[in-house]
Amino acid sequence: MTNPKTLRRHAELVDRMSRVVGLDLEEELMRGQMQIDTLGDAVLRCTGCSNADGCNHWLAAQEGEADAPPEYCRNTEIFEALKAGKRV
């Protein structure tokens, strides 16, 4: 089981990444475009990433929005689907 501190860190990374690529996950949930389980899975997928520090640095270096997350992001498919108007 992943500890709460790790889960919080990666939940923050997922949220920050979504905002940088132009998504508001809370809004996506409220509109029914995203299931709460999908969000939980995205956070868990992120916890398996071995480059969380690199992700944090990448996010900090972004000015405004980015077209896409870095190539190593484990949640790229979810972000791309949401941006294309698909339900996840």
PDB file of N, CA and C in Angstrom:
ATOM      1  N   MET A   1       0.847  -1.187   0.000  1.00  0.00           N
ATOM      2  CA  MET A   1       0.000   0.000   0.000  1.00  0.00           C
ATOM      3  C   MET A   1       0.887   1.243   0.000  1.00  0.00           C
ATOM      4  N   THR A   2       0.541   2.183  -0.819  1.00  0.00           N
ATOM      5  CA  THR A   2       1.289   3.437  -0.910  1.00  0.00           C
ATOM      6  C   THR A   2       0.940   4.318   0.280  1.00  0.00           C
ATOM      7  N   ASN A   3       1.961   4.948   0.861  1.00  0.00           N
ATOM      8  CA  ASN A   3       1.700   5.762   2.050  1.00  0.00           C
ATOM      9  C   ASN A   3       1.022   7.084   1.678  1.00  0.00           C
ATOM     10  N   PRO A   4       0.308   7.678   2.630  1.00  0.00           N
ATOM     11  CA  PRO A   4      -0.453   8.911   2.359  1.00  0.00           C
ATOM     12  C   PRO A   4       0.404  10.069   1.854  1.00  0.00           C
ATOM     13  N   LYS A   5       1.617  10.199   2.339  1.00  0.00           N
ATOM     14  CA  LYS A   5       2.484  11.297   1.904  1.00  0.00           C
ATOM     15  C   LYS A   5       2.805  11.152   0.411  1.00  0.00           C
ATOM     16  N   THR A   6       3.092   9.931  -0.020  1.00  0.00           N
ATOM     17  CA  THR A   6       3.382   9.674  -1.432  1.00  0.00           C
ATOM     18  C   THR A   6       2.148   9.939  -2.284  1.00  0.00           C
ATOM     19  N   LEU A   7       0.991   9.483  -1.822  1.00  0.00           N
ATOM     20  CA  LEU A   7      -0.246   9.713  -2.560  1.00  0.00           C
ATOM     21  C   LEU A   7      -0.538  11.199  -2.720  1.00  0.00           C
ATOM     22  N   ARG A   8      -0.357  11.966  -1.660  1.00  0.00           N
ATOM     23  CA  ARG A   8      -0.581  13.413  -1.731  1.00  0.00           C
ATOM     24  C   ARG A   8       0.373  14.070  -2.722  1.00  0.00           C
ATOM     25  N   ARG A   9       1.635  13.663  -2.675  1.00  0.00           N
ATOM     26  CA  ARG A   9       2.634  14.246  -3.583  1.00  0.00           C
ATOM     27  C   ARG A   9       2.241  13.984  -5.036  1.00  0.00           C
ATOM     28  N   HIS A  10       1.859  12.765  -5.332  1.00  0.00           N
ATOM     29  CA  HIS A  10       1.541  12.423  -6.715  1.00  0.00           C
ATOM     30  C   HIS A  10       0.177  12.966  -7.139  1.00  0.00           C
ATOM     31  N   ALA A  11      -0.757  13.095  -6.210  1.00  0.00           N
ATOM     32  CA  ALA A  11      -2.031  13.745  -6.532  1.00  0.00           C
ATOM     33  C   ALA A  11      -1.768  15.191  -6.928  1.00  0.00           C
ATOM     34  N   GLU A  12      -0.842  15.842  -6.243  1.00  0.00           N
ATOM     35  CA  GLU A  12      -0.485  17.218  -6.584  1.00  0.00           C
ATOM     36  C   GLU A  12       0.197  17.275  -7.955  1.00  0.00           C
ATOM     37  N   LEU A  13       1.074  16.318  -8.239  1.00  0.00           N
ATOM     38  CA  LEU A  13       1.736  16.297  -9.545  1.00  0.00           C
ATOM     39  C   LEU A  13       0.725  16.096 -10.675  1.00  0.00           C
ATOM     40  N   VAL A  14      -0.229  15.183 -10.475  1.00  0.00           N
ATOM     41  CA  VAL A  14      -1.261  14.951 -11.497  1.00  0.00           C
ATOM     42  C   VAL A  14      -2.075  16.220 -11.707  1.00  0.00           C
ATOM     43  N   ASP A  15      -2.452  16.875 -10.630  1.00  0.00           N
ATOM     44  CA  ASP A  15      -3.235  18.105 -10.739  1.00  0.00           C
ATOM     45  C   ASP A  15      -2.445  19.200 -11.452  1.00  0.00           C
ATOM     46  N   ARG A  16      -1.198  19.383 -11.064  1.00  0.00           N
ATOM     47  CA  ARG A  16      -0.363  20.407 -11.699  1.00  0.00           C
ATOM     48  C   ARG A  16      -0.149  20.110 -13.174  1.00  0.00           C
ATOM     49  N   MET A  17       0.105  18.831 -13.495  1.00  0.00           N
ATOM     50  CA  MET A  17       0.332  18.449 -14.883  1.00  0.00           C
ATOM     51  C   MET A  17      -0.925  18.723 -15.712  1.00  0.00           C
ATOM     52  N   SER A  18      -2.079  18.375 -15.157  1.00  0.00           N
ATOM     53  CA  SER A  18      -3.318  18.591 -15.903  1.00  0.00           C
ATOM     54  C   SER A  18      -3.522  20.075 -16.187  1.00  0.00           C
ATOM     55  N   ARG A  19      -3.228  20.917 -15.226  1.00  0.00           N
ATOM     56  CA  ARG A  19      -3.398  22.363 -15.431  1.00  0.00           C
ATOM     57  C   ARG A  19      -2.427  22.901 -16.473  1.00  0.00           C
ATOM     58  N   VAL A  20      -1.192  22.403 -16.448  1.00  0.00           N
ATOM     59  CA  VAL A  20      -0.195  22.866 -17.417  1.00  0.00           C
ATOM     60  C   VAL A  20      -0.609  22.491 -18.833  1.00  0.00           C
ATOM     61  N   VAL A  21      -1.269  21.339 -18.993  1.00  0.00           N
ATOM     62  CA  VAL A  21      -1.697  20.945 -20.341  1.00  0.00           C
ATOM     63  C   VAL A  21      -3.095  21.463 -20.668  1.00  0.00           C
ATOM     64  N   GLY A  22      -3.629  22.324 -19.819  1.00  0.00           N
ATOM     65  CA  GLY A  22      -4.878  23.016 -20.124  1.00  0.00           C
ATOM     66  C   GLY A  22      -6.144  22.332 -19.650  1.00  0.00           C
ATOM     67  N   LEU A  23      -6.040  21.491 -18.648  1.00  0.00           N
ATOM     68  CA  LEU A  23      -7.214  20.786 -18.122  1.00  0.00           C
ATOM     69  C   LEU A  23      -7.464  21.148 -16.662  1.00  0.00           C
ATOM     70  N   ASP A  24      -8.720  21.141 -16.296  1.00  0.00           N
ATOM     71  CA  ASP A  24      -9.131  21.299 -14.905  1.00  0.00           C
ATOM     72  C   ASP A  24      -9.841  19.996 -14.534  1.00  0.00           C
ATOM     73  N   LEU A  25      -9.151  19.119 -13.825  1.00  0.00           N
ATOM     74  CA  LEU A  25      -9.710  17.799 -13.543  1.00  0.00           C
ATOM     75  C   LEU A  25     -10.960  17.864 -12.678  1.00  0.00           C
ATOM     76  N   GLU A  26     -11.041  18.826 -11.785  1.00  0.00           N
ATOM     77  CA  GLU A  26     -12.253  18.984 -10.983  1.00  0.00           C
ATOM     78  C   GLU A  26     -13.441  19.287 -11.892  1.00  0.00           C
ATOM     79  N   GLU A  27     -13.226  20.172 -12.854  1.00  0.00           N
ATOM     80  CA  GLU A  27     -14.279  20.504 -13.813  1.00  0.00           C
ATOM     81  C   GLU A  27     -14.644  19.283 -14.658  1.00  0.00           C
ATOM     82  N   GLU A  28     -13.643  18.532 -15.076  1.00  0.00           N
ATOM     83  CA  GLU A  28     -13.893  17.325 -15.879  1.00  0.00           C
ATOM     84  C   GLU A  28     -14.728  16.316 -15.090  1.00  0.00           C
ATOM     85  N   LEU A  29     -14.459  16.203 -13.799  1.00  0.00           N
ATOM     86  CA  LEU A  29     -15.252  15.312 -12.938  1.00  0.00           C
ATOM     87  C   LEU A  29     -16.685  15.809 -12.821  1.00  0.00           C
ATOM     88  N   MET A  30     -16.846  17.090 -12.596  1.00  0.00           N
ATOM     89  CA  MET A  30     -18.183  17.656 -12.414  1.00  0.00           C
ATOM     90  C   MET A  30     -19.012  17.560 -13.696  1.00  0.00           C
ATOM     91  N   ARG A  31     -18.379  17.664 -14.852  1.00  0.00           N
ATOM     92  CA  ARG A  31     -19.087  17.560 -16.126  1.00  0.00           C
ATOM     93  C   ARG A  31     -19.341  16.114 -16.539  1.00  0.00           C
ATOM     94  N   GLY A  32     -18.800  15.179 -15.781  1.00  0.00           N
ATOM     95  CA  GLY A  32     -18.993  13.769 -16.097  1.00  0.00           C
ATOM     96  C   GLY A  32     -18.069  13.250 -17.180  1.00  0.00           C
ATOM     97  N   GLN A  33     -17.055  14.023 -17.543  1.00  0.00           N
ATOM     98  CA  GLN A  33     -16.108  13.590 -18.563  1.00  0.00           C
ATOM     99  C   GLN A  33     -15.069  12.633 -17.994  1.00  0.00           C
ATOM    100  N   MET A  34     -14.896  12.667 -16.677  1.00  0.00           N
ATOM    101  CA  MET A  34     -13.905  11.822 -16.024  1.00  0.00           C
ATOM    102  C   MET A  34     -14.553  11.144 -14.827  1.00  0.00           C
ATOM    103  N   GLN A  35     -14.282   9.863 -14.672  1.00  0.00           N
ATOM    104  CA  GLN A  35     -14.765   9.111 -13.522  1.00  0.00           C
ATOM    105  C   GLN A  35     -13.798   9.302 -12.357  1.00  0.00           C
ATOM    106  N   ILE A  36     -14.312   9.297 -11.147  1.00  0.00           N
ATOM    107  CA  ILE A  36     -13.454   9.447  -9.968  1.00  0.00           C
ATOM    108  C   ILE A  36     -12.437   8.307  -9.893  1.00  0.00           C
ATOM    109  N   ASP A  37     -12.831   7.103 -10.325  1.00  0.00           N
ATOM    110  CA  ASP A  37     -11.893   5.977 -10.331  1.00  0.00           C
ATOM    111  C   ASP A  37     -10.741   6.211 -11.300  1.00  0.00           C
ATOM    112  N   THR A  38     -11.026   6.890 -12.409  1.00  0.00           N
ATOM    113  CA  THR A  38      -9.977   7.197 -13.382  1.00  0.00           C
ATOM    114  C   THR A  38      -8.962   8.148 -12.770  1.00  0.00           C
ATOM    115  N   LEU A  39      -9.448   9.106 -12.008  1.00  0.00           N
ATOM    116  CA  LEU A  39      -8.534  10.031 -11.335  1.00  0.00           C
ATOM    117  C   LEU A  39      -7.677   9.279 -10.319  1.00  0.00           C
ATOM    118  N   GLY A  40      -8.296   8.400  -9.545  1.00  0.00           N
ATOM    119  CA  GLY A  40      -7.535   7.602  -8.584  1.00  0.00           C
ATOM    120  C   GLY A  40      -6.487   6.741  -9.271  1.00  0.00           C
ATOM    121  N   ASP A  41      -6.871   6.145 -10.397  1.00  0.00           N
ATOM    122  CA  ASP A  41      -5.916   5.334 -11.158  1.00  0.00           C
ATOM    123  C   ASP A  41      -4.764   6.189 -11.684  1.00  0.00           C
ATOM    124  N   ALA A  42      -5.065   7.422 -12.097  1.00  0.00           N
ATOM    125  CA  ALA A  42      -4.016   8.318 -12.596  1.00  0.00           C
ATOM    126  C   ALA A  42      -3.010   8.631 -11.494  1.00  0.00           C
ATOM    127  N   VAL A  43      -3.505   8.864 -10.287  1.00  0.00           N
ATOM    128  CA  VAL A  43      -2.604   9.148  -9.162  1.00  0.00           C
ATOM    129  C   VAL A  43      -1.755   7.911  -8.857  1.00  0.00           C
ATOM    130  N   LEU A  44      -2.383   6.740  -8.827  1.00  0.00           N
ATOM    131  CA  LEU A  44      -1.624   5.516  -8.563  1.00  0.00           C
ATOM    132  C   LEU A  44      -0.597   5.245  -9.657  1.00  0.00           C
ATOM    133  N   ARG A  45      -0.972   5.497 -10.911  1.00  0.00           N
ATOM    134  CA  ARG A  45      -0.029   5.327 -12.021  1.00  0.00           C
ATOM    135  C   ARG A  45       1.164   6.264 -11.830  1.00  0.00           C
ATOM    136  N   CYS A  46       0.890   7.467 -11.401  1.00  0.00           N
ATOM    137  CA  CYS A  46       1.945   8.452 -11.170  1.00  0.00           C
ATOM    138  C   CYS A  46       2.894   7.996 -10.053  1.00  0.00           C
ATOM    139  N   THR A  47       2.364   7.329  -9.035  1.00  0.00           N
ATOM    140  CA  THR A  47       3.233   6.865  -7.942  1.00  0.00           C
ATOM    141  C   THR A  47       4.262   5.860  -8.431  1.00  0.00           C
ATOM    142  N   GLY A  48       3.983   5.197  -9.556  1.00  0.00           N
ATOM    143  CA  GLY A  48       4.924   4.233 -10.109  1.00  0.00           C
ATOM    144  C   GLY A  48       6.019   4.854 -10.961  1.00  0.00           C
ATOM    145  N   CYS A  49       5.949   6.157 -11.153  1.00  0.00           N
ATOM    146  CA  CYS A  49       6.941   6.849 -11.977  1.00  0.00           C
ATOM    147  C   CYS A  49       8.251   7.003 -11.210  1.00  0.00           C
ATOM    148  N   SER A  50       9.338   6.717 -11.877  1.00  0.00           N
ATOM    149  CA  SER A  50      10.655   6.851 -11.235  1.00  0.00           C
ATOM    150  C   SER A  50      11.259   8.238 -11.452  1.00  0.00           C
ATOM    151  N   ASN A  51      10.503   9.134 -12.098  1.00  0.00           N
ATOM    152  CA  ASN A  51      11.038  10.461 -12.402  1.00  0.00           C
ATOM    153  C   ASN A  51      10.173  11.576 -11.817  1.00  0.00           C
ATOM    154  N   ALA A  52       9.654  11.384 -10.627  1.00  0.00           N
ATOM    155  CA  ALA A  52       8.802  12.400 -10.007  1.00  0.00           C
ATOM    156  C   ALA A  52       9.561  13.717  -9.792  1.00  0.00           C
ATOM    157  N   ASP A  53      10.824  13.634  -9.429  1.00  0.00           N
ATOM    158  CA  ASP A  53      11.603  14.867  -9.248  1.00  0.00           C
ATOM    159  C   ASP A  53      11.779  15.596 -10.573  1.00  0.00           C
ATOM    160  N   GLY A  54      12.034  14.838 -11.640  1.00  0.00           N
ATOM    161  CA  GLY A  54      12.151  15.437 -12.970  1.00  0.00           C
ATOM    162  C   GLY A  54      10.846  16.072 -13.398  1.00  0.00           C
ATOM    163  N   CYS A  55       9.745  15.414 -13.079  1.00  0.00           N
ATOM    164  CA  CYS A  55       8.419  15.947 -13.394  1.00  0.00           C
ATOM    165  C   CYS A  55       8.204  17.265 -12.658  1.00  0.00           C
ATOM    166  N   ASN A  56       8.553  17.294 -11.403  1.00  0.00           N
ATOM    167  CA  ASN A  56       8.404  18.508 -10.602  1.00  0.00           C
ATOM    168  C   ASN A  56       9.213  19.655 -11.210  1.00  0.00           C
ATOM    169  N   HIS A  57      10.434  19.357 -11.650  1.00  0.00           N
ATOM    170  CA  HIS A  57      11.276  20.382 -12.279  1.00  0.00           C
ATOM    171  C   HIS A  57      10.690  20.814 -13.621  1.00  0.00           C
ATOM    172  N   TRP A  58      10.183  19.861 -14.407  1.00  0.00           N
ATOM    173  CA  TRP A  58       9.567  20.186 -15.696  1.00  0.00           C
ATOM    174  C   TRP A  58       8.378  21.105 -15.485  1.00  0.00           C
ATOM    175  N   LEU A  59       7.535  20.778 -14.520  1.00  0.00           N
ATOM    176  CA  LEU A  59       6.361  21.599 -14.231  1.00  0.00           C
ATOM    177  C   LEU A  59       6.762  23.008 -13.808  1.00  0.00           C
ATOM    178  N   ALA A  60       7.786  23.102 -12.967  1.00  0.00           N
ATOM    179  CA  ALA A  60       8.233  24.408 -12.482  1.00  0.00           C
ATOM    180  C   ALA A  60       8.796  25.264 -13.619  1.00  0.00           C
ATOM    181  N   ALA A  61       9.335  24.621 -14.646  1.00  0.00           N
ATOM    182  CA  ALA A  61       9.951  25.357 -15.755  1.00  0.00           C
ATOM    183  C   ALA A  61       8.926  25.837 -16.791  1.00  0.00           C
ATOM    184  N   GLN A  62       7.702  25.356 -16.710  1.00  0.00           N
ATOM    185  CA  GLN A  62       6.697  25.734 -17.706  1.00  0.00           C
ATOM    186  C   GLN A  62       6.179  27.140 -17.432  1.00  0.00           C
ATOM    187  N   GLU A  63       6.064  27.898 -18.487  1.00  0.00           N
ATOM    188  CA  GLU A  63       5.480  29.232 -18.403  1.00  0.00           C
ATOM    189  C   GLU A  63       4.187  29.185 -19.194  1.00  0.00           C
ATOM    190  N   GLY A  64       3.070  29.233 -18.502  1.00  0.00           N
ATOM    191  CA  GLY A  64       1.793  29.090 -19.190  1.00  0.00           C
ATOM    192  C   GLY A  64       1.500  27.630 -19.455  1.00  0.00           C
ATOM    193  N   GLU A  65       0.806  27.364 -20.558  1.00  0.00           N
ATOM    194  CA  GLU A  65       0.411  26.002 -20.882  1.00  0.00           C
ATOM    195  C   GLU A  65       1.412  25.336 -21.815  1.00  0.00           C
ATOM    196  N   ALA A  66       1.488  24.020 -21.690  1.00  0.00           N
ATOM    197  CA  ALA A  66       2.285  23.195 -22.601  1.00  0.00           C
ATOM    198  C   ALA A  66       1.312  22.419 -23.482  1.00  0.00           C
ATOM    199  N   ASP A  67       1.744  22.070 -24.668  1.00  0.00           N
ATOM    200  CA  ASP A  67       0.890  21.303 -25.575  1.00  0.00           C
ATOM    201  C   ASP A  67       0.639  19.895 -25.049  1.00  0.00           C
ATOM    202  N   ALA A  68       1.633  19.325 -24.397  1.00  0.00           N
ATOM    203  CA  ALA A  68       1.531  17.940 -23.928  1.00  0.00           C
ATOM    204  C   ALA A  68       2.475  17.753 -22.748  1.00  0.00           C
ATOM    205  N   PRO A  69       2.216  16.738 -21.946  1.00  0.00           N
ATOM    206  CA  PRO A  69       3.144  16.431 -20.862  1.00  0.00           C
ATOM    207  C   PRO A  69       4.461  15.897 -21.429  1.00  0.00           C
ATOM    208  N   PRO A  70       5.473  15.778 -20.590  1.00  0.00           N
ATOM    209  CA  PRO A  70       6.730  15.193 -21.074  1.00  0.00           C
ATOM    210  C   PRO A  70       6.497  13.742 -21.501  1.00  0.00           C
ATOM    211  N   GLU A  71       7.356  13.244 -22.366  1.00  0.00           N
ATOM    212  CA  GLU A  71       7.149  11.914 -22.945  1.00  0.00           C
ATOM    213  C   GLU A  71       7.104  10.792 -21.917  1.00  0.00           C
ATOM    214  N   TYR A  72       7.689  10.982 -20.758  1.00  0.00           N
ATOM    215  CA  TYR A  72       7.697   9.925 -19.746  1.00  0.00           C
ATOM    216  C   TYR A  72       6.440   9.915 -18.865  1.00  0.00           C
ATOM    217  N   CYS A  73       5.533  10.863 -19.056  1.00  0.00           N
ATOM    218  CA  CYS A  73       4.339  10.941 -18.220  1.00  0.00           C
ATOM    219  C   CYS A  73       3.460   9.715 -18.444  1.00  0.00           C
ATOM    220  N   ARG A  74       3.107   9.055 -17.370  1.00  0.00           N
ATOM    221  CA  ARG A  74       2.293   7.838 -17.442  1.00  0.00           C
ATOM    222  C   ARG A  74       0.809   8.132 -17.650  1.00  0.00           C
ATOM    223  N   ASN A  75       0.427   9.389 -17.615  1.00  0.00           N
ATOM    224  CA  ASN A  75      -0.982   9.755 -17.762  1.00  0.00           C
ATOM    225  C   ASN A  75      -1.271  10.525 -19.040  1.00  0.00           C
ATOM    226  N   THR A  76      -0.356  10.493 -19.967  1.00  0.00           N
ATOM    227  CA  THR A  76      -0.530  11.218 -21.226  1.00  0.00           C
ATOM    228  C   THR A  76      -1.825  10.815 -21.925  1.00  0.00           C
ATOM    229  N   GLU A  77      -2.137   9.522 -21.969  1.00  0.00           N
ATOM    230  CA  GLU A  77      -3.339   9.066 -22.675  1.00  0.00           C
ATOM    231  C   GLU A  77      -4.609   9.673 -22.079  1.00  0.00           C
ATOM    232  N   ILE A  78      -4.675   9.765 -20.770  1.00  0.00           N
ATOM    233  CA  ILE A  78      -5.850  10.345 -20.112  1.00  0.00           C
ATOM    234  C   ILE A  78      -5.964  11.823 -20.468  1.00  0.00           C
ATOM    235  N   PHE A  79      -4.860  12.539 -20.367  1.00  0.00           N
ATOM    236  CA  PHE A  79      -4.886  13.963 -20.673  1.00  0.00           C
ATOM    237  C   PHE A  79      -5.266  14.202 -22.135  1.00  0.00           C
ATOM    238  N   GLU A  80      -4.710  13.411 -23.045  1.00  0.00           N
ATOM    239  CA  GLU A  80      -5.017  13.563 -24.464  1.00  0.00           C
ATOM    240  C   GLU A  80      -6.494  13.266 -24.739  1.00  0.00           C
ATOM    241  N   ALA A  81      -7.023  12.224 -24.104  1.00  0.00           N
ATOM    242  CA  ALA A  81      -8.431  11.863 -24.297  1.00  0.00           C
ATOM    243  C   ALA A  81      -9.343  12.995 -23.813  1.00  0.00           C
ATOM    244  N   LEU A  82      -9.058  13.536 -22.647  1.00  0.00           N
ATOM    245  CA  LEU A  82      -9.869  14.615 -22.111  1.00  0.00           C
ATOM    246  C   LEU A  82      -9.807  15.851 -23.004  1.00  0.00           C
ATOM    247  N   LYS A  83      -8.618  16.170 -23.484  1.00  0.00           N
ATOM    248  CA  LYS A  83      -8.476  17.330 -24.363  1.00  0.00           C
ATOM    249  C   LYS A  83      -9.237  17.139 -25.676  1.00  0.00           C
ATOM    250  N   ALA A  84      -9.391  15.877 -26.084  1.00  0.00           N
ATOM    251  CA  ALA A  84     -10.131  15.577 -27.314  1.00  0.00           C
ATOM    252  C   ALA A  84     -11.629  15.466 -27.062  1.00  0.00           C
ATOM    253  N   GLY A  85     -12.055  15.712 -25.812  1.00  0.00           N
ATOM    254  CA  GLY A  85     -13.475  15.679 -25.493  1.00  0.00           C
ATOM    255  C   GLY A  85     -14.025  14.291 -25.208  1.00  0.00           C
ATOM    256  N   LYS A  86     -13.147  13.321 -25.027  1.00  0.00           N
ATOM    257  CA  LYS A  86     -13.575  11.954 -24.743  1.00  0.00           C
ATOM    258  C   LYS A  86     -13.793  11.765 -23.253  1.00  0.00           C
ATOM    259  N   ARG A  87     -14.691  10.864 -22.918  1.00  0.00           N
ATOM    260  CA  ARG A  87     -14.931  10.507 -21.525  1.00  0.00           C
ATOM    261  C   ARG A  87     -13.924   9.447 -21.098  1.00  0.00           C
ATOM    262  N   VAL A  88     -13.416   9.614 -19.909  1.00  0.00           N
ATOM    263  CA  VAL A  88     -12.461   8.634 -19.370  1.00  0.00           C
ATOM    264  C   VAL A  88     -12.902   8.194 -17.989  1.00  0.00           C
TER     265      VAL A  88
END
